[in-house]
Amino acid sequence: HVRYMVGGRPSKALQERLFSFEFPESPGALLKFLHTLGTHWNISLFHYRSHGTDYGRVLAAFELGEHEPDFETRLNELGYECHDETHNPAFRFFLAG
């Protein structure tokens, strides 16, 4: 994802965490994501990649602040495979504020 996003640093530091997701390529997958996570936390980064398979790859960052424990619960409710990429060197160097 990062090779398509270089130059996207925020102007000020954010309390954000970065996650990679595997979205099912099915109707309603994005809507489920937004209803589960997007109404509670600011989505500060969103990048979608499709490879023509039965899932799409999404890179998303969220501003969490003090609501981080609630976020973990919501991730489990969502049920999509995800990985925390917050400490990924490429994210830190090119995209983090």
PDB file of N, CA and C in Angstrom:
ATOM      1  N   HIS A   1       0.805  -1.199   0.000  1.00  0.00           N
ATOM      2  CA  HIS A   1       0.000   0.000   0.000  1.00  0.00           C
ATOM      3  C   HIS A   1       0.849   1.265   0.000  1.00  0.00           C
ATOM      4  N   VAL A   2       1.911   1.283   0.782  1.00  0.00           N
ATOM      5  CA  VAL A   2       2.660   2.517   1.028  1.00  0.00           C
ATOM      6  C   VAL A   2       3.236   3.122  -0.246  1.00  0.00           C
ATOM      7  N   ARG A   3       3.634   2.321  -1.198  1.00  0.00           N
ATOM      8  CA  ARG A   3       4.243   2.882  -2.403  1.00  0.00           C
ATOM      9  C   ARG A   3       3.281   3.794  -3.154  1.00  0.00           C
ATOM     10  N   TYR A   4       1.991   3.658  -2.936  1.00  0.00           N
ATOM     11  CA  TYR A   4       1.004   4.514  -3.588  1.00  0.00           C
ATOM     12  C   TYR A   4       0.638   5.729  -2.743  1.00  0.00           C
ATOM     13  N   MET A   5       1.193   5.833  -1.550  1.00  0.00           N
ATOM     14  CA  MET A   5       0.722   6.834  -0.607  1.00  0.00           C
ATOM     15  C   MET A   5       1.791   7.784  -0.098  1.00  0.00           C
ATOM     16  N   VAL A   6       2.999   7.694  -0.529  1.00  0.00           N
ATOM     17  CA  VAL A   6       4.081   8.532  -0.014  1.00  0.00           C
ATOM     18  C   VAL A   6       3.716   9.994  -0.201  1.00  0.00           C
ATOM     19  N   GLY A   7       3.972  10.790   0.841  1.00  0.00           N
ATOM     20  CA  GLY A   7       3.644  12.212   0.801  1.00  0.00           C
ATOM     21  C   GLY A   7       2.355  12.519   1.533  1.00  0.00           C
ATOM     22  N   GLY A   8       1.805  11.535   2.210  1.00  0.00           N
ATOM     23  CA  GLY A   8       0.527  11.728   2.872  1.00  0.00           C
ATOM     24  C   GLY A   8       0.612  11.966   4.364  1.00  0.00           C
ATOM     25  N   ARG A   9       1.686  12.550   4.842  1.00  0.00           N
ATOM     26  CA  ARG A   9       1.831  12.790   6.281  1.00  0.00           C
ATOM     27  C   ARG A   9       0.874  13.873   6.761  1.00  0.00           C
ATOM     28  N   PRO A  10       0.306  13.716   7.958  1.00  0.00           N
ATOM     29  CA  PRO A  10      -0.521  14.789   8.515  1.00  0.00           C
ATOM     30  C   PRO A  10       0.355  15.954   8.969  1.00  0.00           C
ATOM     31  N   SER A  11      -0.230  17.139   9.045  1.00  0.00           N
ATOM     32  CA  SER A  11       0.531  18.331   9.430  1.00  0.00           C
ATOM     33  C   SER A  11       0.855  18.350  10.917  1.00  0.00           C
ATOM     34  N   LYS A  12       0.113  17.598  11.725  1.00  0.00           N
ATOM     35  CA  LYS A  12       0.404  17.498  13.160  1.00  0.00           C
ATOM     36  C   LYS A  12       0.345  16.036  13.571  1.00  0.00           C
ATOM     37  N   ALA A  13       1.022  15.719  14.659  1.00  0.00           N
ATOM     38  CA  ALA A  13       1.043  14.335  15.144  1.00  0.00           C
ATOM     39  C   ALA A  13      -0.357  13.914  15.595  1.00  0.00           C
ATOM     40  N   LEU A  14      -0.735  12.707  15.249  1.00  0.00           N
ATOM     41  CA  LEU A  14      -2.036  12.165  15.630  1.00  0.00           C
ATOM     42  C   LEU A  14      -1.837  10.949  16.521  1.00  0.00           C
ATOM     43  N   GLN A  15      -2.781  10.712  17.417  1.00  0.00           N
ATOM     44  CA  GLN A  15      -2.773   9.483  18.209  1.00  0.00           C
ATOM     45  C   GLN A  15      -3.520   8.444  17.389  1.00  0.00           C
ATOM     46  N   GLU A  16      -2.817   7.832  16.448  1.00  0.00           N
ATOM     47  CA  GLU A  16      -3.495   6.904  15.557  1.00  0.00           C
ATOM     48  C   GLU A  16      -2.811   5.554  15.548  1.00  0.00           C
ATOM     49  N   ARG A  17      -3.603   4.544  15.175  1.00  0.00           N
ATOM     50  CA  ARG A  17      -3.074   3.200  14.971  1.00  0.00           C
ATOM     51  C   ARG A  17      -3.430   2.766  13.569  1.00  0.00           C
ATOM     52  N   LEU A  18      -2.510   2.042  12.954  1.00  0.00           N
ATOM     53  CA  LEU A  18      -2.664   1.593  11.576  1.00  0.00           C
ATOM     54  C   LEU A  18      -2.926   0.091  11.550  1.00  0.00           C
ATOM     55  N   PHE A  19      -3.896  -0.327  10.732  1.00  0.00           N
ATOM     56  CA  PHE A  19      -4.246  -1.738  10.607  1.00  0.00           C
ATOM     57  C   PHE A  19      -4.361  -2.118   9.143  1.00  0.00           C
ATOM     58  N   SER A  20      -3.960  -3.344   8.827  1.00  0.00           N
ATOM     59  CA  SER A  20      -4.238  -3.906   7.507  1.00  0.00           C
ATOM     60  C   SER A  20      -5.378  -4.905   7.691  1.00  0.00           C
ATOM     61  N   PHE A  21      -6.330  -4.856   6.773  1.00  0.00           N
ATOM     62  CA  PHE A  21      -7.514  -5.712   6.818  1.00  0.00           C
ATOM     63  C   PHE A  21      -7.626  -6.515   5.539  1.00  0.00           C
ATOM     64  N   GLU A  22      -8.293  -7.647   5.624  1.00  0.00           N
ATOM     65  CA  GLU A  22      -8.723  -8.388   4.447  1.00  0.00           C
ATOM     66  C   GLU A  22     -10.244  -8.305   4.414  1.00  0.00           C
ATOM     67  N   PHE A  23     -10.753  -7.547   3.438  1.00  0.00           N
ATOM     68  CA  PHE A  23     -12.196  -7.378   3.267  1.00  0.00           C
ATOM     69  C   PHE A  23     -12.720  -8.467   2.349  1.00  0.00           C
ATOM     70  N   PRO A  24     -13.828  -9.101   2.693  1.00  0.00           N
ATOM     71  CA  PRO A  24     -14.434 -10.023   1.736  1.00  0.00           C
ATOM     72  C   PRO A  24     -14.959  -9.231   0.537  1.00  0.00           C
ATOM     73  N   GLU A  25     -14.787  -9.758  -0.651  1.00  0.00           N
ATOM     74  CA  GLU A  25     -15.317  -9.104  -1.854  1.00  0.00           C
ATOM     75  C   GLU A  25     -16.781  -9.503  -1.991  1.00  0.00           C
ATOM     76  N   SER A  26     -17.610  -8.895  -1.176  1.00  0.00           N
ATOM     77  CA  SER A  26     -19.038  -9.197  -1.192  1.00  0.00           C
ATOM     78  C   SER A  26     -19.818  -7.916  -0.924  1.00  0.00           C
ATOM     79  N   PRO A  27     -21.055  -7.849  -1.399  1.00  0.00           N
ATOM     80  CA  PRO A  27     -21.863  -6.653  -1.160  1.00  0.00           C
ATOM     81  C   PRO A  27     -22.016  -6.395   0.338  1.00  0.00           C
ATOM     82  N   GLY A  28     -21.840  -5.157   0.742  1.00  0.00           N
ATOM     83  CA  GLY A  28     -22.031  -4.776   2.130  1.00  0.00           C
ATOM     84  C   GLY A  28     -20.793  -4.847   3.005  1.00  0.00           C
ATOM     85  N   ALA A  29     -19.667  -5.315   2.488  1.00  0.00           N
ATOM     86  CA  ALA A  29     -18.459  -5.466   3.317  1.00  0.00           C
ATOM     87  C   ALA A  29     -17.962  -4.116   3.828  1.00  0.00           C
ATOM     88  N   LEU A  30     -17.903  -3.111   2.958  1.00  0.00           N
ATOM     89  CA  LEU A  30     -17.458  -1.782   3.388  1.00  0.00           C
ATOM     90  C   LEU A  30     -18.468  -1.166   4.341  1.00  0.00           C
ATOM     91  N   LEU A  31     -19.743  -1.319   4.068  1.00  0.00           N
ATOM     92  CA  LEU A  31     -20.780  -0.772   4.937  1.00  0.00           C
ATOM     93  C   LEU A  31     -20.690  -1.377   6.339  1.00  0.00           C
ATOM     94  N   LYS A  32     -20.452  -2.682   6.412  1.00  0.00           N
ATOM     95  CA  LYS A  32     -20.285  -3.340   7.714  1.00  0.00           C
ATOM     96  C   LYS A  32     -19.087  -2.744   8.453  1.00  0.00           C
ATOM     97  N   PHE A  33     -17.988  -2.539   7.747  1.00  0.00           N
ATOM     98  CA  PHE A  33     -16.785  -1.939   8.324  1.00  0.00           C
ATOM     99  C   PHE A  33     -17.100  -0.550   8.885  1.00  0.00           C
ATOM    100  N   LEU A  34     -17.764   0.276   8.081  1.00  0.00           N
ATOM    101  CA  LEU A  34     -18.067   1.645   8.500  1.00  0.00           C
ATOM    102  C   LEU A  34     -19.054   1.683   9.659  1.00  0.00           C
ATOM    103  N   HIS A  35     -20.055   0.821   9.647  1.00  0.00           N
ATOM    104  CA  HIS A  35     -21.014   0.789  10.750  1.00  0.00           C
ATOM    105  C   HIS A  35     -20.366   0.308  12.043  1.00  0.00           C
ATOM    106  N   THR A  36     -19.431  -0.615  11.934  1.00  0.00           N
ATOM    107  CA  THR A  36     -18.793  -1.175  13.127  1.00  0.00           C
ATOM    108  C   THR A  36     -17.710  -0.261  13.687  1.00  0.00           C
ATOM    109  N   LEU A  37     -16.905   0.357  12.811  1.00  0.00           N
ATOM    110  CA  LEU A  37     -15.752   1.140  13.273  1.00  0.00           C
ATOM    111  C   LEU A  37     -15.834   2.629  12.952  1.00  0.00           C
ATOM    112  N   GLY A  38     -16.376   2.973  11.808  1.00  0.00           N
ATOM    113  CA  GLY A  38     -16.302   4.347  11.327  1.00  0.00           C
ATOM    114  C   GLY A  38     -17.181   5.349  12.031  1.00  0.00           C
ATOM    115  N   THR A  39     -18.195   4.901  12.748  1.00  0.00           N
ATOM    116  CA  THR A  39     -19.072   5.851  13.425  1.00  0.00           C
ATOM    117  C   THR A  39     -18.564   6.228  14.811  1.00  0.00           C
ATOM    118  N   HIS A  40     -17.539   5.556  15.280  1.00  0.00           N
ATOM    119  CA  HIS A  40     -17.036   5.794  16.632  1.00  0.00           C
ATOM    120  C   HIS A  40     -15.663   6.459  16.670  1.00  0.00           C
ATOM    121  N   TRP A  41     -14.861   6.244  15.645  1.00  0.00           N
ATOM    122  CA  TRP A  41     -13.504   6.786  15.609  1.00  0.00           C
ATOM    123  C   TRP A  41     -13.247   7.451  14.268  1.00  0.00           C
ATOM    124  N   ASN A  42     -12.413   8.468  14.273  1.00  0.00           N
ATOM    125  CA  ASN A  42     -12.047   9.139  13.032  1.00  0.00           C
ATOM    126  C   ASN A  42     -11.127   8.225  12.220  1.00  0.00           C
ATOM    127  N   ILE A  43     -11.502   7.954  10.990  1.00  0.00           N
ATOM    128  CA  ILE A  43     -10.653   7.188  10.079  1.00  0.00           C
ATOM    129  C   ILE A  43      -9.726   8.193   9.413  1.00  0.00           C
ATOM    130  N   SER A  44      -8.453   8.176   9.790  1.00  0.00           N
ATOM    131  CA  SER A  44      -7.495   9.180   9.310  1.00  0.00           C
ATOM    132  C   SER A  44      -6.771   8.747   8.039  1.00  0.00           C
ATOM    133  N   LEU A  45      -6.889   7.483   7.656  1.00  0.00           N
ATOM    134  CA  LEU A  45      -6.262   6.973   6.439  1.00  0.00           C
ATOM    135  C   LEU A  45      -7.077   5.766   5.978  1.00  0.00           C
ATOM    136  N   PHE A  46      -7.308   5.671   4.660  1.00  0.00           N
ATOM    137  CA  PHE A  46      -8.022   4.515   4.117  1.00  0.00           C
ATOM    138  C   PHE A  46      -7.515   4.268   2.712  1.00  0.00           C
ATOM    139  N   HIS A  47      -7.019   3.057   2.466  1.00  0.00           N
ATOM    140  CA  HIS A  47      -6.520   2.714   1.138  1.00  0.00           C
ATOM    141  C   HIS A  47      -6.940   1.287   0.821  1.00  0.00           C
ATOM    142  N   TYR A  48      -7.578   1.110  -0.342  1.00  0.00           N
ATOM    143  CA  TYR A  48      -8.108  -0.185  -0.759  1.00  0.00           C
ATOM    144  C   TYR A  48      -7.344  -0.696  -1.966  1.00  0.00           C
ATOM    145  N   ARG A  49      -7.015  -1.988  -1.958  1.00  0.00           N
ATOM    146  CA  ARG A  49      -6.362  -2.637  -3.110  1.00  0.00           C
ATOM    147  C   ARG A  49      -7.110  -3.923  -3.422  1.00  0.00           C
ATOM    148  N   SER A  50      -7.441  -4.093  -4.680  1.00  0.00           N
ATOM    149  CA  SER A  50      -8.082  -5.327  -5.123  1.00  0.00           C
ATOM    150  C   SER A  50      -7.118  -6.087  -6.022  1.00  0.00           C
ATOM    151  N   HIS A  51      -7.050  -7.390  -5.823  1.00  0.00           N
ATOM    152  CA  HIS A  51      -6.186  -8.240  -6.638  1.00  0.00           C
ATOM    153  C   HIS A  51      -7.005  -9.240  -7.441  1.00  0.00           C
ATOM    154  N   GLY A  52      -8.315  -9.005  -7.535  1.00  0.00           N
ATOM    155  CA  GLY A  52      -9.174  -9.902  -8.296  1.00  0.00           C
ATOM    156  C   GLY A  52      -9.435 -11.231  -7.616  1.00  0.00           C
ATOM    157  N   THR A  53      -9.282 -11.281  -6.310  1.00  0.00           N
ATOM    158  CA  THR A  53      -9.528 -12.520  -5.567  1.00  0.00           C
ATOM    159  C   THR A  53     -10.831 -12.377  -4.789  1.00  0.00           C
ATOM    160  N   ASP A  54     -11.067 -13.273  -3.846  1.00  0.00           N
ATOM    161  CA  ASP A  54     -12.299 -13.212  -3.066  1.00  0.00           C
ATOM    162  C   ASP A  54     -12.197 -12.266  -1.871  1.00  0.00           C
ATOM    163  N   TYR A  55     -11.090 -11.555  -1.750  1.00  0.00           N
ATOM    164  CA  TYR A  55     -10.952 -10.542  -0.702  1.00  0.00           C
ATOM    165  C   TYR A  55     -10.140  -9.370  -1.257  1.00  0.00           C
ATOM    166  N   GLY A  56     -10.328  -8.213  -0.636  1.00  0.00           N
ATOM    167  CA  GLY A  56      -9.554  -7.027  -0.981  1.00  0.00           C
ATOM    168  C   GLY A  56      -8.732  -6.604   0.218  1.00  0.00           C
ATOM    169  N   ARG A  57      -7.627  -5.976  -0.026  1.00  0.00           N
ATOM    170  CA  ARG A  57      -6.757  -5.529   1.063  1.00  0.00           C
ATOM    171  C   ARG A  57      -7.010  -4.059   1.357  1.00  0.00           C
ATOM    172  N   VAL A  58      -7.135  -3.760   2.633  1.00  0.00           N
ATOM    173  CA  VAL A  58      -7.405  -2.396   3.078  1.00  0.00           C
ATOM    174  C   VAL A  58      -6.380  -2.019   4.131  1.00  0.00           C
ATOM    175  N   LEU A  59      -5.841  -0.817   3.994  1.00  0.00           N
ATOM    176  CA  LEU A  59      -4.966  -0.232   4.997  1.00  0.00           C
ATOM    177  C   LEU A  59      -5.733   0.940   5.579  1.00  0.00           C
ATOM    178  N   ALA A  60      -5.936   0.955   6.891  1.00  0.00           N
ATOM    179  CA  ALA A  60      -6.730   2.007   7.521  1.00  0.00           C
ATOM    180  C   ALA A  60      -6.088   2.422   8.836  1.00  0.00           C
ATOM    181  N   ALA A  61      -6.124   3.727   9.107  1.00  0.00           N
ATOM    182  CA  ALA A  61      -5.630   4.262  10.375  1.00  0.00           C
ATOM    183  C   ALA A  61      -6.789   4.935  11.096  1.00  0.00           C
ATOM    184  N   PHE A  62      -6.769   4.836  12.411  1.00  0.00           N
ATOM    185  CA  PHE A  62      -7.832   5.385  13.248  1.00  0.00           C
ATOM    186  C   PHE A  62      -7.231   6.239  14.352  1.00  0.00           C
ATOM    187  N   GLU A  63      -7.861   7.371  14.646  1.00  0.00           N
ATOM    188  CA  GLU A  63      -7.499   8.170  15.813  1.00  0.00           C
ATOM    189  C   GLU A  63      -8.275   7.594  16.989  1.00  0.00           C
ATOM    190  N   LEU A  64      -7.559   7.023  17.959  1.00  0.00           N
ATOM    191  CA  LEU A  64      -8.231   6.304  19.036  1.00  0.00           C
ATOM    192  C   LEU A  64      -8.307   7.077  20.340  1.00  0.00           C
ATOM    193  N   GLY A  65      -7.240   7.736  20.747  1.00  0.00           N
ATOM    194  CA  GLY A  65      -7.239   8.432  22.031  1.00  0.00           C
ATOM    195  C   GLY A  65      -7.469   7.467  23.176  1.00  0.00           C
ATOM    196  N   GLU A  66      -8.329   7.876  24.122  1.00  0.00           N
ATOM    197  CA  GLU A  66      -8.567   7.056  25.312  1.00  0.00           C
ATOM    198  C   GLU A  66      -9.589   5.942  25.074  1.00  0.00           C
ATOM    199  N   HIS A  67     -10.129   5.829  23.874  1.00  0.00           N
ATOM    200  CA  HIS A  67     -11.153   4.827  23.580  1.00  0.00           C
ATOM    201  C   HIS A  67     -10.576   3.548  22.970  1.00  0.00           C
ATOM    202  N   GLU A  68      -9.309   3.290  23.198  1.00  0.00           N
ATOM    203  CA  GLU A  68      -8.653   2.134  22.581  1.00  0.00           C
ATOM    204  C   GLU A  68      -9.234   0.783  23.014  1.00  0.00           C
ATOM    205  N   PRO A  69      -9.558   0.574  24.298  1.00  0.00           N
ATOM    206  CA  PRO A  69     -10.133  -0.734  24.665  1.00  0.00           C
ATOM    207  C   PRO A  69     -11.442  -1.028  23.927  1.00  0.00           C
ATOM    208  N   ASP A  70     -12.279  -0.013  23.726  1.00  0.00           N
ATOM    209  CA  ASP A  70     -13.524  -0.194  22.978  1.00  0.00           C
ATOM    210  C   ASP A  70     -13.232  -0.584  21.534  1.00  0.00           C
ATOM    211  N   PHE A  71     -12.158  -0.057  20.988  1.00  0.00           N
ATOM    212  CA  PHE A  71     -11.801  -0.337  19.606  1.00  0.00           C
ATOM    213  C   PHE A  71     -11.468  -1.814  19.425  1.00  0.00           C
ATOM    214  N   GLU A  72     -10.717  -2.378  20.337  1.00  0.00           N
ATOM    215  CA  GLU A  72     -10.360  -3.802  20.256  1.00  0.00           C
ATOM    216  C   GLU A  72     -11.620  -4.673  20.256  1.00  0.00           C
ATOM    217  N   THR A  73     -12.595  -4.309  21.071  1.00  0.00           N
ATOM    218  CA  THR A  73     -13.859  -5.039  21.107  1.00  0.00           C
ATOM    219  C   THR A  73     -14.558  -4.968  19.762  1.00  0.00           C
ATOM    220  N   ARG A  74     -14.576  -3.780  19.169  1.00  0.00           N
ATOM    221  CA  ARG A  74     -15.228  -3.593  17.865  1.00  0.00           C
ATOM    222  C   ARG A  74     -14.502  -4.365  16.758  1.00  0.00           C
ATOM    223  N   LEU A  75     -13.168  -4.417  16.826  1.00  0.00           N
ATOM    224  CA  LEU A  75     -12.422  -5.206  15.834  1.00  0.00           C
ATOM    225  C   LEU A  75     -12.860  -6.665  15.874  1.00  0.00           C
ATOM    226  N   ASN A  76     -13.025  -7.186  17.076  1.00  0.00           N
ATOM    227  CA  ASN A  76     -13.470  -8.577  17.223  1.00  0.00           C
ATOM    228  C   ASN A  76     -14.881  -8.764  16.674  1.00  0.00           C
ATOM    229  N   GLU A  77     -15.764  -7.773  16.903  1.00  0.00           N
ATOM    230  CA  GLU A  77     -17.131  -7.837  16.376  1.00  0.00           C
ATOM    231  C   GLU A  77     -17.131  -7.833  14.849  1.00  0.00           C
ATOM    232  N   LEU A  78     -16.225  -7.062  14.257  1.00  0.00           N
ATOM    233  CA  LEU A  78     -16.158  -6.947  12.803  1.00  0.00           C
ATOM    234  C   LEU A  78     -15.889  -8.307  12.158  1.00  0.00           C
ATOM    235  N   GLY A  79     -14.938  -9.050  12.720  1.00  0.00           N
ATOM    236  CA  GLY A  79     -14.660 -10.395  12.239  1.00  0.00           C
ATOM    237  C   GLY A  79     -13.787 -10.489  11.000  1.00  0.00           C
ATOM    238  N   TYR A  80     -13.243  -9.379  10.513  1.00  0.00           N
ATOM    239  CA  TYR A  80     -12.339  -9.419   9.361  1.00  0.00           C
ATOM    240  C   TYR A  80     -10.923  -9.676   9.865  1.00  0.00           C
ATOM    241  N   GLU A  81     -10.152 -10.415   9.090  1.00  0.00           N
ATOM    242  CA  GLU A  81      -8.754 -10.624   9.459  1.00  0.00           C
ATOM    243  C   GLU A  81      -8.047  -9.275   9.436  1.00  0.00           C
ATOM    244  N   CYS A  82      -7.302  -8.985  10.501  1.00  0.00           N
ATOM    245  CA  CYS A  82      -6.579  -7.711  10.539  1.00  0.00           C
ATOM    246  C   CYS A  82      -5.276  -7.871  11.319  1.00  0.00           C
ATOM    247  N   HIS A  83      -4.354  -6.956  11.021  1.00  0.00           N
ATOM    248  CA  HIS A  83      -3.047  -6.949  11.671  1.00  0.00           C
ATOM    249  C   HIS A  83      -2.700  -5.517  12.037  1.00  0.00           C
ATOM    250  N   ASP A  84      -2.161  -5.339  13.231  1.00  0.00           N
ATOM    251  CA  ASP A  84      -1.729  -4.014  13.668  1.00  0.00           C
ATOM    252  C   ASP A  84      -0.408  -3.685  12.984  1.00  0.00           C
ATOM    253  N   GLU A  85      -0.390  -2.609  12.214  1.00  0.00           N
ATOM    254  CA  GLU A  85       0.798  -2.177  11.468  1.00  0.00           C
ATOM    255  C   GLU A  85       1.370  -0.876  12.020  1.00  0.00           C
ATOM    256  N   THR A  86       0.934  -0.477  13.208  1.00  0.00           N
ATOM    257  CA  THR A  86       1.316   0.814  13.774  1.00  0.00           C
ATOM    258  C   THR A  86       2.825   0.984  13.878  1.00  0.00           C
ATOM    259  N   HIS A  87       3.540  -0.068  14.189  1.00  0.00           N
ATOM    260  CA  HIS A  87       4.993   0.039  14.367  1.00  0.00           C
ATOM    261  C   HIS A  87       5.769  -0.370  13.118  1.00  0.00           C
ATOM    262  N   ASN A  88       5.084  -0.507  12.013  1.00  0.00           N
ATOM    263  CA  ASN A  88       5.724  -0.827  10.739  1.00  0.00           C
ATOM    264  C   ASN A  88       6.651   0.326  10.343  1.00  0.00           C
ATOM    265  N   PRO A  89       7.924   0.056  10.054  1.00  0.00           N
ATOM    266  CA  PRO A  89       8.877   1.132   9.720  1.00  0.00           C
ATOM    267  C   PRO A  89       8.444   1.987   8.527  1.00  0.00           C
ATOM    268  N   ALA A  90       7.819   1.396   7.528  1.00  0.00           N
ATOM    269  CA  ALA A  90       7.372   2.181   6.361  1.00  0.00           C
ATOM    270  C   ALA A  90       6.304   3.185   6.773  1.00  0.00           C
ATOM    271  N   PHE A  91       5.372   2.779   7.631  1.00  0.00           N
ATOM    272  CA  PHE A  91       4.346   3.698   8.123  1.00  0.00           C
ATOM    273  C   PHE A  91       4.985   4.826   8.918  1.00  0.00           C
ATOM    274  N   ARG A  92       5.873   4.465   9.830  1.00  0.00           N
ATOM    275  CA  ARG A  92       6.523   5.474  10.672  1.00  0.00           C
ATOM    276  C   ARG A  92       7.315   6.482   9.836  1.00  0.00           C
ATOM    277  N   PHE A  93       8.026   6.015   8.849  1.00  0.00           N
ATOM    278  CA  PHE A  93       8.900   6.887   8.068  1.00  0.00           C
ATOM    279  C   PHE A  93       8.134   7.749   7.068  1.00  0.00           C
ATOM    280  N   PHE A  94       7.161   7.162   6.366  1.00  0.00           N
ATOM    281  CA  PHE A  94       6.504   7.871   5.267  1.00  0.00           C
ATOM    282  C   PHE A  94       5.164   8.509   5.601  1.00  0.00           C
ATOM    283  N   LEU A  95       4.406   7.943   6.550  1.00  0.00           N
ATOM    284  CA  LEU A  95       3.025   8.387   6.715  1.00  0.00           C
ATOM    285  C   LEU A  95       2.673   8.937   8.083  1.00  0.00           C
ATOM    286  N   ALA A  96       3.345   8.502   9.142  1.00  0.00           N
ATOM    287  CA  ALA A  96       2.970   8.928  10.489  1.00  0.00           C
ATOM    288  C   ALA A  96       3.356  10.380  10.726  1.00  0.00           C
ATOM    289  N   GLY A  97       2.542  11.034  11.544  1.00  0.00           N
ATOM    290  CA  GLY A  97       2.782  12.445  11.855  1.00  0.00           C
ATOM    291  C   GLY A  97       3.800  12.645  12.938  1.00  0.00           C
TER     292      GLY A  97
END
